[in-house]
């Protein structure tokens, strides 16, 4: 326990290490990783923000904002703890295996659901169960806040594990933790509109999750991918996304023209 607490303290002491930040911000590869975190967190947070918005829709407008704000505080608190503990735990090979397996399952689950077409059945996300246990225990408002907190914790696990998979460097984890919450609450709407225009980006996010899972698992066997090569792989993935989007758009236009002719 003492080792975990010491690791926790050491992690956050580095947040104030000016030399580390100078080195990070003057390294082009580091900016590539920062860009990757921004895009990945943004794409994943878009759906997460939609879920949270639906969870509070039954509350009056003023209470909605309060519920989301309290959830925001809880999300920061949990990520603060998760990052500090995660830096220590990620040193154990079995933690990496579990983390890689969980990220892989997220990606596989997405593609299974996508193949079944479950996410397109009604186009809506179910709201919170207003007769559920949390509502009965804490009342409508605080029960909703508790539900939002639990959902934020679930989203935080995904985010922290993804950041750990990208890199075990402390600054990556710190930025990933902060960006994840900011994206979910601040600019998630921008990414939602981006996904509406380029639907393939949602699939790309889960492809990236699977790649990060493979990278984390490879580290267990002593296979470490340099950040530069990893960033190049990500660039190829995003380039392929826009190519596929262009081809799908052209195909849709051709099909539309054929229907008009008929």
Foldseek 3Di string as FASTA:
>chain_A
DVVLVVLLVVLVVCVPVVVVVVVLVVDPLSVLLLVVLLLLLLLLLLVVLQQLQQQCVVDPPVLSVVLVVLLLVLLLVLLSSCLSNVLVVLVDLVVLLVLLVVLQCVLVVVVVCVVVVVCVPPVDDDYDDCPDDLCVVPNDRVSSSVVSNVSSNVQSSLQQSLQVLLDSDSVSNVSSSVSNSCSNPPVSVVSNVVCVLQVLSSNLSSVSSNVSSVQSNVVSVVDHDDSVVVSVVNVVSVVVSVVVSVVVVVVVVVVVVVVVVD
